[in-house]
Amino acid sequence: MNRRVFLGALLTVSLTPNAFAAKRQTHKIHGKKPDRKPQQIVQRRSTHERSVPQRSTRTETVEQIERNETKYYLSLHHTHTDEHLEIAYRIGPEYDRGALRRLNYFLRDYRTDEVTFIDPRLYDLLFLMQRRVGNPDSSFEIVSAYRTSETNEELRRTSHRVAKNSLHLTGQALDIRLERTSTRNLRDVAIDLERGGVGYYPGRDFVHIDTGEVRRWGA
């Protein structure tokens, strides 16, 4: 299956169960100037307009949150490009197409500037992790996101920990930290949610999350 067909299939599987929100969501990006300027930049909403995540119970699920028509906000900082993105990517069960395009670009392979479709379930996982931790005002630090096959092979030459068939290649994995939260705590929350793979790298102080099979590795 060629790459274009695969990405189209992934887009269909991930997004067609719900209609996309028609209204534009508030988001902002700043940092190092990219080669391609963002197509949309709008003013950030004030803090009192946001649906602030609260500490939730261990049994709360995304489905339960949806019933409250929760606005899904994320604050991200890319550690390699120094770009910052604050975005509302979803309201209740509805993803915003424009917001997802902005996130695809933000999480591009920064070495090559190649963009791919990122699995939106990763954003839901980040959102729910932040609710569980009870740290709503912090940004997630993105250590690694999408990788081209060339980038992945280059990393494999310098580290035995990089998988040949990494889910970073298909836009299904992120390596992250959360400000003012220990990576050990972040790991424990991700494992408890059981929404995919979780890897813990205390030496480099980050947590790997993906939307593949439920599994775990690391200390």
C-alpha atoms as a PDB file:
ATOM      1  CA  MET A   1       0.000   0.000   0.000  1.00  0.00           C
ATOM      2  CA  ASN A   2       1.516   3.323  -0.950  1.00  0.00           C
ATOM      3  CA  ARG A   3       1.937   6.108   1.589  1.00  0.00           C
ATOM      4  CA  ARG A   4      -0.873   8.330   0.199  1.00  0.00           C
ATOM      5  CA  VAL A   5      -3.417   5.514   0.334  1.00  0.00           C
ATOM      6  CA  PHE A   6      -2.321   4.532   3.861  1.00  0.00           C
ATOM      7  CA  LEU A   7      -2.663   8.089   5.194  1.00  0.00           C
ATOM      8  CA  GLY A   8      -6.036   8.490   3.540  1.00  0.00           C
ATOM      9  CA  ALA A   9      -7.221   5.274   5.148  1.00  0.00           C
ATOM     10  CA  LEU A  10      -5.961   6.344   8.557  1.00  0.00           C
ATOM     11  CA  LEU A  11      -7.726   9.692   8.202  1.00  0.00           C
ATOM     12  CA  THR A  12     -10.983   7.935   7.364  1.00  0.00           C
ATOM     13  CA  VAL A  13     -10.764   5.444  10.229  1.00  0.00           C
ATOM     14  CA  SER A  14      -9.827   8.047  12.823  1.00  0.00           C
ATOM     15  CA  LEU A  15     -12.111  10.908  11.906  1.00  0.00           C
ATOM     16  CA  THR A  16     -15.288   9.825  10.122  1.00  0.00           C
ATOM     17  CA  PRO A  17     -17.233   8.608  13.206  1.00  0.00           C
ATOM     18  CA  ASN A  18     -17.929  12.259  14.132  1.00  0.00           C
ATOM     19  CA  ALA A  19     -18.676  15.381  12.097  1.00  0.00           C
ATOM     20  CA  PHE A  20     -16.079  18.121  12.420  1.00  0.00           C
ATOM     21  CA  ALA A  21     -16.923  21.257  14.367  1.00  0.00           C
ATOM     22  CA  ALA A  22     -17.899  24.026  11.963  1.00  0.00           C
ATOM     23  CA  LYS A  23     -16.700  26.938  14.049  1.00  0.00           C
ATOM     24  CA  ARG A  24     -13.018  27.884  14.071  1.00  0.00           C
ATOM     25  CA  GLN A  25     -11.176  27.190  17.308  1.00  0.00           C
ATOM     26  CA  THR A  26      -8.702  29.523  18.989  1.00  0.00           C
ATOM     27  CA  HIS A  27      -5.032  28.675  18.605  1.00  0.00           C
ATOM     28  CA  LYS A  28      -1.650  30.358  18.377  1.00  0.00           C
ATOM     29  CA  ILE A  29       1.843  29.380  17.320  1.00  0.00           C
ATOM     30  CA  HIS A  30       5.101  31.208  17.923  1.00  0.00           C
ATOM     31  CA  GLY A  31       8.782  30.444  18.135  1.00  0.00           C
ATOM     32  CA  LYS A  32      11.430  30.044  15.449  1.00  0.00           C
ATOM     33  CA  LYS A  33      10.194  31.177  12.069  1.00  0.00           C
ATOM     34  CA  PRO A  34       9.334  28.107   9.962  1.00  0.00           C
ATOM     35  CA  ASP A  35      10.020  27.827   6.272  1.00  0.00           C
ATOM     36  CA  ARG A  36       6.275  27.754   5.555  1.00  0.00           C
ATOM     37  CA  LYS A  37       4.165  30.319   7.400  1.00  0.00           C
ATOM     38  CA  PRO A  38       1.068  29.044   9.209  1.00  0.00           C
ATOM     39  CA  GLN A  39      -2.122  29.574   7.213  1.00  0.00           C
ATOM     40  CA  GLN A  40      -4.200  30.596  10.224  1.00  0.00           C
ATOM     41  CA  ILE A  41      -3.202  32.609  13.256  1.00  0.00           C
ATOM     42  CA  VAL A  42      -5.948  33.966  15.494  1.00  0.00           C
ATOM     43  CA  GLN A  43      -5.942  35.661  18.853  1.00  0.00           C
ATOM     44  CA  ARG A  44      -5.803  33.432  21.912  1.00  0.00           C
ATOM     45  CA  ARG A  45      -8.868  33.414  24.117  1.00  0.00           C
ATOM     46  CA  SER A  46      -8.541  34.728  27.634  1.00  0.00           C
ATOM     47  CA  THR A  47      -8.084  32.229  30.444  1.00  0.00           C
ATOM     48  CA  HIS A  48     -11.603  32.670  31.851  1.00  0.00           C
ATOM     49  CA  GLU A  49     -13.121  31.541  28.530  1.00  0.00           C
ATOM     50  CA  ARG A  50     -11.331  28.211  28.628  1.00  0.00           C
ATOM     51  CA  SER A  51     -12.730  24.969  29.984  1.00  0.00           C
ATOM     52  CA  VAL A  52     -10.104  24.389  32.661  1.00  0.00           C
ATOM     53  CA  PRO A  53      -9.287  20.720  33.270  1.00  0.00           C
ATOM     54  CA  GLN A  54      -9.725  19.610  36.856  1.00  0.00           C
ATOM     55  CA  ARG A  55      -8.220  16.646  38.672  1.00  0.00           C
ATOM     56  CA  SER A  56     -10.390  13.678  37.742  1.00  0.00           C
ATOM     57  CA  THR A  57     -11.005  10.251  39.160  1.00  0.00           C
ATOM     58  CA  ARG A  58      -9.009   7.215  38.023  1.00  0.00           C
ATOM     59  CA  THR A  59     -12.088   5.803  36.284  1.00  0.00           C
ATOM     60  CA  GLU A  60     -12.993   8.880  34.219  1.00  0.00           C
ATOM     61  CA  THR A  61     -12.804   8.263  30.480  1.00  0.00           C
ATOM     62  CA  VAL A  62     -12.788  10.443  27.389  1.00  0.00           C
ATOM     63  CA  GLU A  63     -16.326   9.190  26.664  1.00  0.00           C
ATOM     64  CA  GLN A  64     -17.509  10.468  30.038  1.00  0.00           C
ATOM     65  CA  ILE A  65     -15.854  13.816  29.444  1.00  0.00           C
ATOM     66  CA  GLU A  66     -17.586  14.098  26.043  1.00  0.00           C
ATOM     67  CA  ARG A  67     -20.984  13.986  27.666  1.00  0.00           C
ATOM     68  CA  ASN A  68     -20.123  17.286  29.376  1.00  0.00           C
ATOM     69  CA  GLU A  69     -19.307  18.931  26.011  1.00  0.00           C
ATOM     70  CA  THR A  70     -15.789  19.630  27.242  1.00  0.00           C
ATOM     71  CA  LYS A  71     -13.541  21.849  25.151  1.00  0.00           C
ATOM     72  CA  TYR A  72     -10.286  20.072  24.461  1.00  0.00           C
ATOM     73  CA  TYR A  73      -7.341  22.471  24.789  1.00  0.00           C
ATOM     74  CA  LEU A  74      -3.663  21.628  24.536  1.00  0.00           C
ATOM     75  CA  SER A  75      -0.573  23.726  25.149  1.00  0.00           C
ATOM     76  CA  LEU A  76       2.535  22.384  23.422  1.00  0.00           C
ATOM     77  CA  HIS A  77       6.202  23.374  23.227  1.00  0.00           C
ATOM     78  CA  HIS A  78       8.472  21.729  20.664  1.00  0.00           C
ATOM     79  CA  THR A  79      11.900  21.346  22.250  1.00  0.00           C
ATOM     80  CA  HIS A  80      13.746  21.264  18.905  1.00  0.00           C
ATOM     81  CA  THR A  81      12.068  24.100  16.979  1.00  0.00           C
ATOM     82  CA  ASP A  82      11.181  26.155  20.077  1.00  0.00           C
ATOM     83  CA  GLU A  83       7.693  26.634  18.636  1.00  0.00           C
ATOM     84  CA  HIS A  84       4.715  26.985  20.973  1.00  0.00           C
ATOM     85  CA  LEU A  85       1.139  26.046  20.111  1.00  0.00           C
ATOM     86  CA  GLU A  86      -1.977  26.628  22.170  1.00  0.00           C
ATOM     87  CA  ILE A  87      -5.012  25.142  20.493  1.00  0.00           C
ATOM     88  CA  ALA A  88      -8.574  23.949  20.957  1.00  0.00           C
ATOM     89  CA  TYR A  89      -8.655  20.900  18.717  1.00  0.00           C
ATOM     90  CA  ARG A  90     -12.006  19.395  19.735  1.00  0.00           C
ATOM     91  CA  ILE A  91     -15.371  20.147  21.353  1.00  0.00           C
ATOM     92  CA  GLY A  92     -17.109  17.082  22.756  1.00  0.00           C
ATOM     93  CA  PRO A  93     -16.918  14.323  20.119  1.00  0.00           C
ATOM     94  CA  GLU A  94     -16.119  16.723  17.255  1.00  0.00           C
ATOM     95  CA  TYR A  95     -12.572  17.339  15.996  1.00  0.00           C
ATOM     96  CA  ASP A  96     -11.736  20.589  14.246  1.00  0.00           C
ATOM     97  CA  ARG A  97     -10.164  19.964  10.816  1.00  0.00           C
ATOM     98  CA  GLY A  98      -8.234  23.229  10.761  1.00  0.00           C
ATOM     99  CA  ALA A  99      -6.824  22.574  14.212  1.00  0.00           C
ATOM    100  CA  LEU A 100      -5.712  19.081  13.192  1.00  0.00           C
ATOM    101  CA  ARG A 101      -3.912  20.508  10.146  1.00  0.00           C
ATOM    102  CA  ARG A 102      -2.092  22.965  12.422  1.00  0.00           C
ATOM    103  CA  LEU A 103      -1.106  20.124  14.745  1.00  0.00           C
ATOM    104  CA  ASN A 104       0.099  18.011  11.811  1.00  0.00           C
ATOM    105  CA  TYR A 105       2.457  20.814  10.847  1.00  0.00           C
ATOM    106  CA  PHE A 106       3.579  21.505  14.407  1.00  0.00           C
ATOM    107  CA  LEU A 107       4.490  17.832  14.888  1.00  0.00           C
ATOM    108  CA  ARG A 108       6.269  17.500  11.518  1.00  0.00           C
ATOM    109  CA  ASP A 109       9.690  15.912  11.097  1.00  0.00           C
ATOM    110  CA  TYR A 110      11.614  19.065  11.956  1.00  0.00           C
ATOM    111  CA  ARG A 111      14.764  17.746  10.269  1.00  0.00           C
ATOM    112  CA  THR A 112      13.123  17.491   6.837  1.00  0.00           C
ATOM    113  CA  ASP A 113       9.996  19.650   7.305  1.00  0.00           C
ATOM    114  CA  GLU A 114       7.884  16.742   6.019  1.00  0.00           C
ATOM    115  CA  VAL A 115       4.334  16.687   7.365  1.00  0.00           C
ATOM    116  CA  THR A 116       2.053  13.680   7.887  1.00  0.00           C
ATOM    117  CA  PHE A 117      -1.340  12.985   9.433  1.00  0.00           C
ATOM    118  CA  ILE A 118      -1.055  12.567  13.226  1.00  0.00           C
ATOM    119  CA  ASP A 119      -3.470  10.207  14.953  1.00  0.00           C
ATOM    120  CA  PRO A 120      -5.909  12.458  16.919  1.00  0.00           C
ATOM    121  CA  ARG A 121      -6.162   9.820  19.643  1.00  0.00           C
ATOM    122  CA  LEU A 122      -2.730  11.028  20.776  1.00  0.00           C
ATOM    123  CA  TYR A 123      -4.221  14.457  21.527  1.00  0.00           C
ATOM    124  CA  ASP A 124      -7.062  12.849  23.487  1.00  0.00           C
ATOM    125  CA  LEU A 125      -4.491  10.885  25.448  1.00  0.00           C
ATOM    126  CA  LEU A 126      -2.501  14.041  26.254  1.00  0.00           C
ATOM    127  CA  PHE A 127      -5.686  15.817  27.306  1.00  0.00           C
ATOM    128  CA  LEU A 128      -6.791  13.009  29.604  1.00  0.00           C
ATOM    129  CA  MET A 129      -3.301  12.595  31.072  1.00  0.00           C
ATOM    130  CA  GLN A 130      -3.280  16.271  31.989  1.00  0.00           C
ATOM    131  CA  ARG A 131      -6.681  15.926  33.672  1.00  0.00           C
ATOM    132  CA  ARG A 132      -5.446  12.964  35.699  1.00  0.00           C
ATOM    133  CA  VAL A 133      -2.283  14.770  36.791  1.00  0.00           C
ATOM    134  CA  GLY A 134      -4.244  17.898  37.738  1.00  0.00           C
ATOM    135  CA  ASN A 135      -1.780  20.305  36.119  1.00  0.00           C
ATOM    136  CA  PRO A 136      -3.984  22.257  33.668  1.00  0.00           C
ATOM    137  CA  ASP A 137      -1.798  25.330  33.159  1.00  0.00           C
ATOM    138  CA  SER A 138       1.370  23.551  32.024  1.00  0.00           C
ATOM    139  CA  SER A 139       2.605  22.809  28.514  1.00  0.00           C
ATOM    140  CA  PHE A 140       3.569  19.446  27.136  1.00  0.00           C
ATOM    141  CA  GLU A 141       7.138  19.434  25.847  1.00  0.00           C
ATOM    142  CA  ILE A 142       7.447  17.543  22.569  1.00  0.00           C
ATOM    143  CA  VAL A 143      10.755  15.688  22.416  1.00  0.00           C
ATOM    144  CA  SER A 144       9.939  13.647  19.309  1.00  0.00           C
ATOM    145  CA  ALA A 145       6.909  13.335  17.026  1.00  0.00           C
ATOM    146  CA  TYR A 146       6.654  12.312  13.370  1.00  0.00           C
ATOM    147  CA  ARG A 147       9.789  10.881  11.759  1.00  0.00           C
ATOM    148  CA  THR A 148      10.458  10.095   8.135  1.00  0.00           C
ATOM    149  CA  SER A 149      12.065   6.737   7.398  1.00  0.00           C
ATOM    150  CA  GLU A 150      15.339   8.561   6.641  1.00  0.00           C
ATOM    151  CA  THR A 151      15.300  10.294  10.012  1.00  0.00           C
ATOM    152  CA  ASN A 152      14.440   7.067  11.816  1.00  0.00           C
ATOM    153  CA  GLU A 153      17.339   5.222  10.160  1.00  0.00           C
ATOM    154  CA  GLU A 154      19.705   8.036  11.076  1.00  0.00           C
ATOM    155  CA  LEU A 155      18.621   7.803  14.716  1.00  0.00           C
ATOM    156  CA  ARG A 156      18.961   4.014  14.663  1.00  0.00           C
ATOM    157  CA  ARG A 157      22.622   4.389  13.711  1.00  0.00           C
ATOM    158  CA  THR A 158      23.274   6.317  16.912  1.00  0.00           C
ATOM    159  CA  SER A 159      20.938   4.534  19.356  1.00  0.00           C
ATOM    160  CA  HIS A 160      19.883   0.904  19.758  1.00  0.00           C
ATOM    161  CA  ARG A 161      16.684   2.064  21.478  1.00  0.00           C
ATOM    162  CA  VAL A 162      15.132   3.345  18.222  1.00  0.00           C
ATOM    163  CA  ALA A 163      12.788   0.729  16.739  1.00  0.00           C
ATOM    164  CA  LYS A 164      13.014  -0.104  13.044  1.00  0.00           C
ATOM    165  CA  ASN A 165       9.218  -0.069  12.705  1.00  0.00           C
ATOM    166  CA  SER A 166       8.639   2.783  15.138  1.00  0.00           C
ATOM    167  CA  LEU A 167       5.111   4.182  15.350  1.00  0.00           C
ATOM    168  CA  HIS A 168       6.713   7.618  14.989  1.00  0.00           C
ATOM    169  CA  LEU A 169       6.894   6.698  11.281  1.00  0.00           C
ATOM    170  CA  THR A 170       3.112   6.545  10.986  1.00  0.00           C
ATOM    171  CA  GLY A 171       2.208   9.549  13.144  1.00  0.00           C
ATOM    172  CA  GLN A 172       1.060   7.375  16.038  1.00  0.00           C
ATOM    173  CA  ALA A 173       3.676   8.193  18.697  1.00  0.00           C
ATOM    174  CA  LEU A 174       5.023  11.079  20.751  1.00  0.00           C
ATOM    175  CA  ASP A 175       7.894  11.455  23.214  1.00  0.00           C
ATOM    176  CA  ILE A 176       6.862  13.970  25.855  1.00  0.00           C
ATOM    177  CA  ARG A 177       7.351  15.719  29.173  1.00  0.00           C
ATOM    178  CA  LEU A 178       4.885  17.879  31.109  1.00  0.00           C
ATOM    179  CA  GLU A 179       6.017  21.011  32.885  1.00  0.00           C
ATOM    180  CA  ARG A 180       6.002  20.801  36.689  1.00  0.00           C
ATOM    181  CA  THR A 181       5.252  17.075  36.538  1.00  0.00           C
ATOM    182  CA  SER A 182       7.750  14.262  37.021  1.00  0.00           C
ATOM    183  CA  THR A 183       8.107  11.894  34.085  1.00  0.00           C
ATOM    184  CA  ARG A 184       7.640   9.000  36.515  1.00  0.00           C
ATOM    185  CA  ASN A 185       4.218  10.368  37.451  1.00  0.00           C
ATOM    186  CA  LEU A 186       3.405  10.960  33.780  1.00  0.00           C
ATOM    187  CA  ARG A 187       4.389   7.374  32.986  1.00  0.00           C
ATOM    188  CA  ASP A 188       2.183   5.984  35.756  1.00  0.00           C
ATOM    189  CA  VAL A 189      -0.837   7.945  34.505  1.00  0.00           C
ATOM    190  CA  ALA A 190      -0.289   6.816  30.902  1.00  0.00           C
ATOM    191  CA  ILE A 191      -0.016   3.176  31.983  1.00  0.00           C
ATOM    192  CA  ASP A 192      -3.183   3.464  34.065  1.00  0.00           C
ATOM    193  CA  LEU A 193      -5.156   4.768  31.059  1.00  0.00           C
ATOM    194  CA  GLU A 194      -4.264   1.686  28.954  1.00  0.00           C
ATOM    195  CA  ARG A 195      -4.669   3.449  25.605  1.00  0.00           C
ATOM    196  CA  GLY A 196      -1.526   2.211  23.875  1.00  0.00           C
ATOM    197  CA  GLY A 197       2.195   1.756  24.382  1.00  0.00           C
ATOM    198  CA  VAL A 198       4.110   3.514  27.163  1.00  0.00           C
ATOM    199  CA  GLY A 199       7.890   3.708  27.361  1.00  0.00           C
ATOM    200  CA  TYR A 200       9.850   5.312  30.189  1.00  0.00           C
ATOM    201  CA  TYR A 201      13.295   6.857  29.599  1.00  0.00           C
ATOM    202  CA  PRO A 202      14.503   8.320  32.917  1.00  0.00           C
ATOM    203  CA  GLY A 203      18.005   8.948  31.576  1.00  0.00           C
ATOM    204  CA  ARG A 204      16.690  11.387  28.989  1.00  0.00           C
ATOM    205  CA  ASP A 205      13.706  12.328  31.151  1.00  0.00           C
ATOM    206  CA  PHE A 206      10.828  11.671  28.759  1.00  0.00           C
ATOM    207  CA  VAL A 207       7.867   9.334  28.297  1.00  0.00           C
ATOM    208  CA  HIS A 208       6.927   7.665  25.015  1.00  0.00           C
ATOM    209  CA  ILE A 209       3.219   7.260  24.275  1.00  0.00           C
ATOM    210  CA  ASP A 210       1.592   5.723  21.214  1.00  0.00           C
ATOM    211  CA  THR A 211      -1.765   4.453  19.963  1.00  0.00           C
ATOM    212  CA  GLY A 212      -0.571   0.931  19.185  1.00  0.00           C
ATOM    213  CA  GLU A 213      -1.169  -2.158  21.283  1.00  0.00           C
ATOM    214  CA  VAL A 214      -1.272  -1.740  25.060  1.00  0.00           C
ATOM    215  CA  ARG A 215       2.224  -2.529  26.354  1.00  0.00           C
ATOM    216  CA  ARG A 216       4.989  -0.972  28.460  1.00  0.00           C
ATOM    217  CA  TRP A 217       8.748  -0.909  28.711  1.00  0.00           C
ATOM    218  CA  GLY A 218      11.503   0.936  30.554  1.00  0.00           C
ATOM    219  CA  ALA A 219      12.337   1.256  34.237  1.00  0.00           C
END
